[in-house]
């Protein structure tokens, strides 16, 4: 005897439609990953020939050759240093700026928040030439090499991740009760102590979400990295072009390198997923 259907249960047609849609969506996502993985395990002659869903032979040689065809380790280190530094700077500055906006009243507060948010309206390519000229002129006037250096690239990524980070943390700090600050002040903490000891621990999900956003923005950026770097400071996003030469394109190595450089982002997302979801949804319901 079949169990009675709950009056709140969705109709059977909706359930099957959802299953079909999710199956198609999973295929849309997983098929390209399978093509990348299978191509990275094939010899170059098999990749450039007729495509086969089931490879005739497997080899890990492309994963070995990717480190010698181009200086992938150097590019990997450059990307790691730039992305981590830009993330740390963005998080630290955004925490203090968002806390000041959320907790204090000052002249020009609304103008500041609107200006921070409005910077996201402009495409990044509009800032390419101004930043290039600015870095070159600063280098000529002061001798500080921003163009072609990791420091210049960190500042560049900071200009893009910081406004959104501040705006996002303002909303999160607004959802943290101000009673926590007042309790910390009563216990003898100053404003800085209240922020670091009480508010920041309560805002960990939002801070993690900001950190993931800043890191992913810097890790996969191509346009500014292709202009603002040289051979010694080139990042992964630009360095992958080295597998394409005038004589040949090493498709199997490109696929292998693409999977390798995706590991830090995927691993970080999986480890911080619960904090990321909580941070992105914080403040939606009060």
Foldseek 3Di string as FASTA:
>chain_A
DDDDDDPPDDDPVVVVVVVVVVVVVVCVPVVVVLVLVQLLQDPQVQNPDDDDSDDPDGHNVLVVCLCPLFVQVLQAVLLVVLLVLLLVVLLVVLLVLLCCLQPDDDPCSVVVLVVLVCVVVDDPVVCQVVLVVVQVVCCVVPVDRLFADSNVLSVSLNVVLNSVLNNLVNLQLNLPDCVQLVVVVVVPDDNVCSSVPPSCVVLVLQSLLSSLVSSVSSNQDDDNLVGRHDSSNRHPNPRLCSQDDPVDHRSSSSSSSVVVSCVVSVVSCVVSVVSNVCSVCRNVPD
